[in-house]
Amino acid sequence: MLNDATTTTRSNRTGSRVASWSLSGALLLTSLAGAPPAFADGELPMAESILDGYVEATGGRDAYDSVRNRVSKGTVEMVAQGIKLDLT
């Protein structure tokens, strides 16, 4: 008898999860269908202007040109082989 109650509870949870995801998906699609375009004139910005804006927002071209070296550190571990490496 305990197994029947457990089975029923599990199936009810699964059913409500599926219904919840279905409702969420339907609401998302409905909201996107009526969404205005991202740009009023319908044209997307050029990639160059996006990258130029990023460079300016992160310090400008002079800041990037002043970088002479870069150091990256990390660790690689292969558990099955028992190998762990520190990288610089």
PDB file of N, CA and C in Angstrom:
ATOM      1  N   MET A   1       0.818  -1.186   0.000  1.00  0.00           N
ATOM      2  CA  MET A   1       0.000   0.000   0.000  1.00  0.00           C
ATOM      3  C   MET A   1       0.869   1.260   0.000  1.00  0.00           C
ATOM      4  N   LEU A   2       1.991   1.231   0.691  1.00  0.00           N
ATOM      5  CA  LEU A   2       2.916   2.365   0.699  1.00  0.00           C
ATOM      6  C   LEU A   2       3.441   2.629  -0.704  1.00  0.00           C
ATOM      7  N   ASN A   3       3.728   1.570  -1.449  1.00  0.00           N
ATOM      8  CA  ASN A   3       4.236   1.737  -2.807  1.00  0.00           C
ATOM      9  C   ASN A   3       3.231   2.427  -3.714  1.00  0.00           C
ATOM     10  N   ASP A   4       1.942   2.110  -3.559  1.00  0.00           N
ATOM     11  CA  ASP A   4       0.918   2.755  -4.387  1.00  0.00           C
ATOM     12  C   ASP A   4       0.865   4.254  -4.119  1.00  0.00           C
ATOM     13  N   ALA A   5       0.936   4.638  -2.854  1.00  0.00           N
ATOM     14  CA  ALA A   5       0.900   6.064  -2.507  1.00  0.00           C
ATOM     15  C   ALA A   5       2.132   6.776  -3.040  1.00  0.00           C
ATOM     16  N   THR A   6       3.292   6.119  -2.936  1.00  0.00           N
ATOM     17  CA  THR A   6       4.528   6.714  -3.426  1.00  0.00           C
ATOM     18  C   THR A   6       4.471   6.895  -4.928  1.00  0.00           C
ATOM     19  N   THR A   7       3.992   5.889  -5.633  1.00  0.00           N
ATOM     20  CA  THR A   7       3.877   5.954  -7.087  1.00  0.00           C
ATOM     21  C   THR A   7       2.940   7.082  -7.501  1.00  0.00           C
ATOM     22  N   THR A   8       1.820   7.194  -6.823  1.00  0.00           N
ATOM     23  CA  THR A   8       0.859   8.244  -7.144  1.00  0.00           C
ATOM     24  C   THR A   8       1.470   9.618  -6.914  1.00  0.00           C
ATOM     25  N   THR A   9       2.177   9.788  -5.807  1.00  0.00           N
ATOM     26  CA  THR A   9       2.800  11.076  -5.510  1.00  0.00           C
ATOM     27  C   THR A   9       3.833  11.433  -6.565  1.00  0.00           C
ATOM     28  N   ARG A  10       4.648  10.451  -6.953  1.00  0.00           N
ATOM     29  CA  ARG A  10       5.659  10.718  -7.987  1.00  0.00           C
ATOM     30  C   ARG A  10       5.022  11.109  -9.302  1.00  0.00           C
ATOM     31  N   SER A  11       3.980  10.393  -9.725  1.00  0.00           N
ATOM     32  CA  SER A  11       3.366  10.698 -11.012  1.00  0.00           C
ATOM     33  C   SER A  11       2.673  12.056 -10.965  1.00  0.00           C
ATOM     34  N   ASN A  12       2.111  12.435  -9.821  1.00  0.00           N
ATOM     35  CA  ASN A  12       1.490  13.754  -9.711  1.00  0.00           C
ATOM     36  C   ASN A  12       2.543  14.856  -9.809  1.00  0.00           C
ATOM     37  N   ARG A  13       3.691  14.645  -9.185  1.00  0.00           N
ATOM     38  CA  ARG A  13       4.760  15.639  -9.268  1.00  0.00           C
ATOM     39  C   ARG A  13       5.243  15.807 -10.695  1.00  0.00           C
ATOM     40  N   THR A  14       5.454  14.682 -11.377  1.00  0.00           N
ATOM     41  CA  THR A  14       5.923  14.733 -12.759  1.00  0.00           C
ATOM     42  C   THR A  14       4.905  15.437 -13.639  1.00  0.00           C
ATOM     43  N   GLY A  15       3.654  15.107 -13.457  1.00  0.00           N
ATOM     44  CA  GLY A  15       2.601  15.738 -14.253  1.00  0.00           C
ATOM     45  C   GLY A  15       2.533  17.227 -14.018  1.00  0.00           C
ATOM     46  N   SER A  16       2.673  17.653 -12.766  1.00  0.00           N
ATOM     47  CA  SER A  16       2.610  19.089 -12.489  1.00  0.00           C
ATOM     48  C   SER A  16       3.838  19.802 -13.025  1.00  0.00           C
ATOM     49  N   ARG A  17       5.013  19.133 -13.027  1.00  0.00           N
ATOM     50  CA  ARG A  17       6.218  19.746 -13.597  1.00  0.00           C
ATOM     51  C   ARG A  17       6.051  19.950 -15.089  1.00  0.00           C
ATOM     52  N   VAL A  18       5.520  18.940 -15.770  1.00  0.00           N
ATOM     53  CA  VAL A  18       5.323  19.041 -17.216  1.00  0.00           C
ATOM     54  C   VAL A  18       4.326  20.152 -17.523  1.00  0.00           C
ATOM     55  N   ALA A  19       3.249  20.218 -16.744  1.00  0.00           N
ATOM     56  CA  ALA A  19       2.253  21.265 -16.965  1.00  0.00           C
ATOM     57  C   ALA A  19       2.860  22.634 -16.716  1.00  0.00           C
ATOM     58  N   SER A  20       3.690  22.744 -15.689  1.00  0.00           N
ATOM     59  CA  SER A  20       4.332  24.017 -15.373  1.00  0.00           C
ATOM     60  C   SER A  20       5.257  24.453 -16.501  1.00  0.00           C
ATOM     61  N   TRP A  21       6.082  23.528 -17.019  1.00  0.00           N
ATOM     62  CA  TRP A  21       6.991  23.860 -18.127  1.00  0.00           C
ATOM     63  C   TRP A  21       6.208  24.208 -19.386  1.00  0.00           C
ATOM     64  N   SER A  22       5.127  23.503 -19.636  1.00  0.00           N
ATOM     65  CA  SER A  22       4.319  23.782 -20.820  1.00  0.00           C
ATOM     66  C   SER A  22       3.709  25.173 -20.740  1.00  0.00           C
ATOM     67  N   LEU A  23       3.211  25.521 -19.559  1.00  0.00           N
ATOM     68  CA  LEU A  23       2.629  26.846 -19.376  1.00  0.00           C
ATOM     69  C   LEU A  23       3.691  27.925 -19.517  1.00  0.00           C
ATOM     70  N   SER A  24       4.865  27.702 -18.928  1.00  0.00           N
ATOM     71  CA  SER A  24       5.958  28.676 -19.032  1.00  0.00           C
ATOM     72  C   SER A  24       6.364  28.870 -20.487  1.00  0.00           C
ATOM     73  N   GLY A  25       6.491  27.780 -21.227  1.00  0.00           N
ATOM     74  CA  GLY A  25       6.863  27.860 -22.641  1.00  0.00           C
ATOM     75  C   GLY A  25       5.825  28.611 -23.455  1.00  0.00           C
ATOM     76  N   ALA A  26       4.557  28.351 -23.175  1.00  0.00           N
ATOM     77  CA  ALA A  26       3.489  29.027 -23.908  1.00  0.00           C
ATOM     78  C   ALA A  26       3.501  30.524 -23.622  1.00  0.00           C
ATOM     79  N   LEU A  27       3.710  30.890 -22.364  1.00  0.00           N
ATOM     80  CA  LEU A  27       3.772  32.312 -22.021  1.00  0.00           C
ATOM     81  C   LEU A  27       4.958  32.995 -22.678  1.00  0.00           C
ATOM     82  N   LEU A  28       6.099  32.319 -22.719  1.00  0.00           N
ATOM     83  CA  LEU A  28       7.286  32.892 -23.348  1.00  0.00           C
ATOM     84  C   LEU A  28       7.055  33.107 -24.834  1.00  0.00           C
ATOM     85  N   LEU A  29       6.520  32.113 -25.515  1.00  0.00           N
ATOM     86  CA  LEU A  29       6.271  32.247 -26.952  1.00  0.00           C
ATOM     87  C   LEU A  29       5.256  33.344 -27.240  1.00  0.00           C
ATOM     88  N   THR A  30       4.247  33.445 -26.402  1.00  0.00           N
ATOM     89  CA  THR A  30       3.241  34.484 -26.596  1.00  0.00           C
ATOM     90  C   THR A  30       3.851  35.862 -26.438  1.00  0.00           C
ATOM     91  N   SER A  31       4.712  36.032 -25.422  1.00  0.00           N
ATOM     92  CA  SER A  31       5.321  37.340 -25.208  1.00  0.00           C
ATOM     93  C   SER A  31       6.300  37.689 -26.322  1.00  0.00           C
ATOM     94  N   LEU A  32       7.019  36.700 -26.864  1.00  0.00           N
ATOM     95  CA  LEU A  32       7.978  36.973 -27.930  1.00  0.00           C
ATOM     96  C   LEU A  32       7.286  37.278 -29.252  1.00  0.00           C
ATOM     97  N   ALA A  33       6.120  36.702 -29.468  1.00  0.00           N
ATOM     98  CA  ALA A  33       5.426  36.909 -30.730  1.00  0.00           C
ATOM     99  C   ALA A  33       5.031  38.365 -30.918  1.00  0.00           C
ATOM    100  N   GLY A  34       4.692  39.057 -29.837  1.00  0.00           N
ATOM    101  CA  GLY A  34       4.284  40.442 -29.953  1.00  0.00           C
ATOM    102  C   GLY A  34       5.392  41.431 -29.636  1.00  0.00           C
ATOM    103  N   ALA A  35       6.617  40.945 -29.458  1.00  0.00           N
ATOM    104  CA  ALA A  35       7.721  41.826 -29.083  1.00  0.00           C
ATOM    105  C   ALA A  35       8.141  42.691 -30.264  1.00  0.00           C
ATOM    106  N   PRO A  36       8.419  43.960 -30.013  1.00  0.00           N
ATOM    107  CA  PRO A  36       8.894  44.827 -31.100  1.00  0.00           C
ATOM    108  C   PRO A  36      10.312  44.437 -31.494  1.00  0.00           C
ATOM    109  N   PRO A  37      10.741  44.767 -32.705  1.00  0.00           N
ATOM    110  CA  PRO A  37      12.110  44.442 -33.095  1.00  0.00           C
ATOM    111  C   PRO A  37      13.112  45.170 -32.196  1.00  0.00           C
ATOM    112  N   ALA A  38      14.296  44.590 -32.055  1.00  0.00           N
ATOM    113  CA  ALA A  38      15.315  45.164 -31.177  1.00  0.00           C
ATOM    114  C   ALA A  38      15.751  46.543 -31.653  1.00  0.00           C
ATOM    115  N   PHE A  39      15.724  46.791 -32.943  1.00  0.00           N
ATOM    116  CA  PHE A  39      16.109  48.078 -33.509  1.00  0.00           C
ATOM    117  C   PHE A  39      14.942  48.592 -34.340  1.00  0.00           C
ATOM    118  N   ALA A  40      14.573  49.820 -34.103  1.00  0.00           N
ATOM    119  CA  ALA A  40      13.377  50.380 -34.723  1.00  0.00           C
ATOM    120  C   ALA A  40      13.431  50.351 -36.240  1.00  0.00           C
ATOM    121  N   ASP A  41      14.578  50.648 -36.819  1.00  0.00           N
ATOM    122  CA  ASP A  41      14.660  50.676 -38.278  1.00  0.00           C
ATOM    123  C   ASP A  41      14.923  49.306 -38.873  1.00  0.00           C
ATOM    124  N   GLY A  42      15.077  48.283 -38.038  1.00  0.00           N
ATOM    125  CA  GLY A  42      15.249  46.920 -38.520  1.00  0.00           C
ATOM    126  C   GLY A  42      16.678  46.554 -38.866  1.00  0.00           C
ATOM    127  N   GLU A  43      17.619  47.490 -38.804  1.00  0.00           N
ATOM    128  CA  GLU A  43      19.003  47.182 -39.133  1.00  0.00           C
ATOM    129  C   GLU A  43      19.807  46.900 -37.879  1.00  0.00           C
ATOM    130  N   LEU A  44      20.658  45.927 -37.960  1.00  0.00           N
ATOM    131  CA  LEU A  44      21.533  45.584 -36.846  1.00  0.00           C
ATOM    132  C   LEU A  44      22.802  46.425 -36.915  1.00  0.00           C
ATOM    133  N   PRO A  45      23.402  46.721 -35.769  1.00  0.00           N
ATOM    134  CA  PRO A  45      24.659  47.477 -35.798  1.00  0.00           C
ATOM    135  C   PRO A  45      25.781  46.624 -36.393  1.00  0.00           C
ATOM    136  N   MET A  46      26.771  47.278 -36.946  1.00  0.00           N
ATOM    137  CA  MET A  46      27.923  46.575 -37.508  1.00  0.00           C
ATOM    138  C   MET A  46      28.768  46.009 -36.369  1.00  0.00           C
ATOM    139  N   ALA A  47      29.392  44.868 -36.600  1.00  0.00           N
ATOM    140  CA  ALA A  47      30.223  44.230 -35.583  1.00  0.00           C
ATOM    141  C   ALA A  47      31.354  45.138 -35.142  1.00  0.00           C
ATOM    142  N   GLU A  48      31.915  45.885 -36.064  1.00  0.00           N
ATOM    143  CA  GLU A  48      33.019  46.787 -35.742  1.00  0.00           C
ATOM    144  C   GLU A  48      32.604  47.835 -34.707  1.00  0.00           C
ATOM    145  N   SER A  49      31.397  48.367 -34.833  1.00  0.00           N
ATOM    146  CA  SER A  49      30.950  49.377 -33.865  1.00  0.00           C
ATOM    147  C   SER A  49      30.706  48.754 -32.491  1.00  0.00           C
ATOM    148  N   ILE A  50      30.265  47.517 -32.439  1.00  0.00           N
ATOM    149  CA  ILE A  50      30.074  46.829 -31.161  1.00  0.00           C
ATOM    150  C   ILE A  50      31.426  46.597 -30.487  1.00  0.00           C
ATOM    151  N   LEU A  51      32.404  46.119 -31.265  1.00  0.00           N
ATOM    152  CA  LEU A  51      33.733  45.871 -30.710  1.00  0.00           C
ATOM    153  C   LEU A  51      34.428  47.165 -30.295  1.00  0.00           C
ATOM    154  N   ASP A  52      34.259  48.229 -31.073  1.00  0.00           N
ATOM    155  CA  ASP A  52      34.835  49.523 -30.698  1.00  0.00           C
ATOM    156  C   ASP A  52      34.257  50.009 -29.370  1.00  0.00           C
ATOM    157  N   GLY A  53      32.958  49.830 -29.185  1.00  0.00           N
ATOM    158  CA  GLY A  53      32.321  50.211 -27.931  1.00  0.00           C
ATOM    159  C   GLY A  53      32.852  49.399 -26.763  1.00  0.00           C
ATOM    160  N   TYR A  54      33.105  48.108 -26.996  1.00  0.00           N
ATOM    161  CA  TYR A  54      33.658  47.243 -25.946  1.00  0.00           C
ATOM    162  C   TYR A  54      35.062  47.700 -25.555  1.00  0.00           C
ATOM    163  N   VAL A  55      35.887  47.997 -26.542  1.00  0.00           N
ATOM    164  CA  VAL A  55      37.254  48.439 -26.271  1.00  0.00           C
ATOM    165  C   VAL A  55      37.227  49.731 -25.456  1.00  0.00           C
ATOM    166  N   GLU A  56      36.386  50.665 -25.821  1.00  0.00           N
ATOM    167  CA  GLU A  56      36.300  51.930 -25.086  1.00  0.00           C
ATOM    168  C   GLU A  56      35.798  51.708 -23.657  1.00  0.00           C
ATOM    169  N   ALA A  57      34.815  50.823 -23.491  1.00  0.00           N
ATOM    170  CA  ALA A  57      34.246  50.569 -22.162  1.00  0.00           C
ATOM    171  C   ALA A  57      35.222  49.845 -21.243  1.00  0.00           C
ATOM    172  N   THR A  58      36.196  49.155 -21.816  1.00  0.00           N
ATOM    173  CA  THR A  58      37.153  48.385 -21.004  1.00  0.00           C
ATOM    174  C   THR A  58      38.523  49.042 -20.920  1.00  0.00           C
ATOM    175  N   GLY A  59      38.611  50.346 -21.174  1.00  0.00           N
ATOM    176  CA  GLY A  59      39.871  51.050 -20.955  1.00  0.00           C
ATOM    177  C   GLY A  59      40.438  51.740 -22.168  1.00  0.00           C
ATOM    178  N   GLY A  60      39.951  51.474 -23.328  1.00  0.00           N
ATOM    179  CA  GLY A  60      40.426  52.131 -24.536  1.00  0.00           C
ATOM    180  C   GLY A  60      41.588  51.402 -25.203  1.00  0.00           C
ATOM    181  N   ARG A  61      41.878  51.834 -26.398  1.00  0.00           N
ATOM    182  CA  ARG A  61      42.926  51.201 -27.216  1.00  0.00           C
ATOM    183  C   ARG A  61      44.303  51.317 -26.560  1.00  0.00           C
ATOM    184  N   ASP A  62      44.588  52.452 -25.936  1.00  0.00           N
ATOM    185  CA  ASP A  62      45.895  52.643 -25.286  1.00  0.00           C
ATOM    186  C   ASP A  62      46.115  51.612 -24.180  1.00  0.00           C
ATOM    187  N   ALA A  63      45.058  51.290 -23.447  1.00  0.00           N
ATOM    188  CA  ALA A  63      45.186  50.288 -22.373  1.00  0.00           C
ATOM    189  C   ALA A  63      45.523  48.917 -22.961  1.00  0.00           C
ATOM    190  N   TYR A  64      44.908  48.566 -24.065  1.00  0.00           N
ATOM    191  CA  TYR A  64      45.208  47.279 -24.699  1.00  0.00           C
ATOM    192  C   TYR A  64      46.624  47.271 -25.281  1.00  0.00           C
ATOM    193  N   ASP A  65      47.035  48.399 -25.855  1.00  0.00           N
ATOM    194  CA  ASP A  65      48.377  48.476 -26.442  1.00  0.00           C
ATOM    195  C   ASP A  65      49.470  48.437 -25.379  1.00  0.00           C
ATOM    196  N   SER A  66      49.143  48.835 -24.147  1.00  0.00           N
ATOM    197  CA  SER A  66      50.153  48.841 -23.080  1.00  0.00           C
ATOM    198  C   SER A  66      50.421  47.453 -22.498  1.00  0.00           C
ATOM    199  N   VAL A  67      49.601  46.493 -22.795  1.00  0.00           N
ATOM    200  CA  VAL A  67      49.814  45.133 -22.287  1.00  0.00           C
ATOM    201  C   VAL A  67      50.967  44.497 -23.050  1.00  0.00           C
ATOM    202  N   ARG A  68      51.983  44.066 -22.309  1.00  0.00           N
ATOM    203  CA  ARG A  68      53.168  43.469 -22.936  1.00  0.00           C
ATOM    204  C   ARG A  68      53.253  41.963 -22.712  1.00  0.00           C
ATOM    205  N   ASN A  69      52.656  41.495 -21.650  1.00  0.00           N
ATOM    206  CA  ASN A  69      52.647  40.053 -21.409  1.00  0.00           C
ATOM    207  C   ASN A  69      51.411  39.683 -20.602  1.00  0.00           C
ATOM    208  N   ARG A  70      51.132  38.423 -20.570  1.00  0.00           N
ATOM    209  CA  ARG A  70      49.964  37.926 -19.857  1.00  0.00           C
ATOM    210  C   ARG A  70      50.322  36.562 -19.285  1.00  0.00           C
ATOM    211  N   VAL A  71      49.926  36.320 -18.052  1.00  0.00           N
ATOM    212  CA  VAL A  71      50.179  35.046 -17.398  1.00  0.00           C
ATOM    213  C   VAL A  71      48.843  34.412 -17.046  1.00  0.00           C
ATOM    214  N   SER A  72      48.681  33.164 -17.420  1.00  0.00           N
ATOM    215  CA  SER A  72      47.484  32.410 -17.059  1.00  0.00           C
ATOM    216  C   SER A  72      47.895  31.243 -16.189  1.00  0.00           C
ATOM    217  N   LYS A  73      47.142  30.994 -15.148  1.00  0.00           N
ATOM    218  CA  LYS A  73      47.431  29.875 -14.255  1.00  0.00           C
ATOM    219  C   LYS A  73      46.201  28.991 -14.185  1.00  0.00           C
ATOM    220  N   GLY A  74      46.436  27.695 -14.020  1.00  0.00           N
ATOM    221  CA  GLY A  74      45.324  26.766 -13.916  1.00  0.00           C
ATOM    222  C   GLY A  74      45.777  25.412 -13.442  1.00  0.00           C
ATOM    223  N   THR A  75      44.835  24.533 -13.285  1.00  0.00           N
ATOM    224  CA  THR A  75      45.104  23.168 -12.849  1.00  0.00           C
ATOM    225  C   THR A  75      44.352  22.209 -13.761  1.00  0.00           C
ATOM    226  N   VAL A  76      45.010  21.146 -14.148  1.00  0.00           N
ATOM    227  CA  VAL A  76      44.397  20.081 -14.931  1.00  0.00           C
ATOM    228  C   VAL A  76      44.471  18.820 -14.097  1.00  0.00           C
ATOM    229  N   GLU A  77      43.337  18.141 -13.972  1.00  0.00           N
ATOM    230  CA  GLU A  77      43.327  16.907 -13.197  1.00  0.00           C
ATOM    231  C   GLU A  77      42.624  15.818 -13.990  1.00  0.00           C
ATOM    232  N   MET A  78      43.314  14.676 -14.129  1.00  0.00           N
ATOM    233  CA  MET A  78      42.742  13.493 -14.757  1.00  0.00           C
ATOM    234  C   MET A  78      42.617  12.442 -13.655  1.00  0.00           C
ATOM    235  N   VAL A  79      41.441  12.383 -13.064  1.00  0.00           N
ATOM    236  CA  VAL A  79      41.211  11.583 -11.865  1.00  0.00           C
ATOM    237  C   VAL A  79      41.463  10.099 -12.124  1.00  0.00           C
ATOM    238  N   ALA A  80      40.968   9.573 -13.217  1.00  0.00           N
ATOM    239  CA  ALA A  80      41.098   8.145 -13.499  1.00  0.00           C
ATOM    240  C   ALA A  80      42.570   7.730 -13.636  1.00  0.00           C
ATOM    241  N   GLN A  81      43.402   8.625 -14.120  1.00  0.00           N
ATOM    242  CA  GLN A  81      44.823   8.311 -14.288  1.00  0.00           C
ATOM    243  C   GLN A  81      45.641   8.727 -13.067  1.00  0.00           C
ATOM    244  N   GLY A  82      45.044   9.447 -12.147  1.00  0.00           N
ATOM    245  CA  GLY A  82      45.765   9.889 -10.962  1.00  0.00           C
ATOM    246  C   GLY A  82      46.751  10.999 -11.264  1.00  0.00           C
ATOM    247  N   ILE A  83      46.449  11.827 -12.264  1.00  0.00           N
ATOM    248  CA  ILE A  83      47.368  12.906 -12.669  1.00  0.00           C
ATOM    249  C   ILE A  83      46.753  14.252 -12.315  1.00  0.00           C
ATOM    250  N   LYS A  84      47.561  15.109 -11.697  1.00  0.00           N
ATOM    251  CA  LYS A  84      47.157  16.481 -11.410  1.00  0.00           C
ATOM    252  C   LYS A  84      48.319  17.390 -11.744  1.00  0.00           C
ATOM    253  N   LEU A  85      48.052  18.392 -12.621  1.00  0.00           N
ATOM    254  CA  LEU A  85      49.112  19.287 -13.074  1.00  0.00           C
ATOM    255  C   LEU A  85      48.737  20.731 -12.786  1.00  0.00           C
ATOM    256  N   ASP A  86      49.691  21.506 -12.294  1.00  0.00           N
ATOM    257  CA  ASP A  86      49.529  22.953 -12.158  1.00  0.00           C
ATOM    258  C   ASP A  86      50.160  23.586 -13.388  1.00  0.00           C
ATOM    259  N   LEU A  87      49.421  24.454 -14.049  1.00  0.00           N
ATOM    260  CA  LEU A  87      49.910  25.098 -15.276  1.00  0.00           C
ATOM    261  C   LEU A  87      50.128  26.573 -15.046  1.00  0.00           C
ATOM    262  N   THR A  88      51.187  27.123 -15.681  1.00  0.00           N
ATOM    263  CA  THR A  88      51.440  28.559 -15.655  1.00  0.00           C
ATOM    264  C   THR A  88      51.690  29.010 -17.078  1.00  0.00           C
TER     265      THR A  88
END
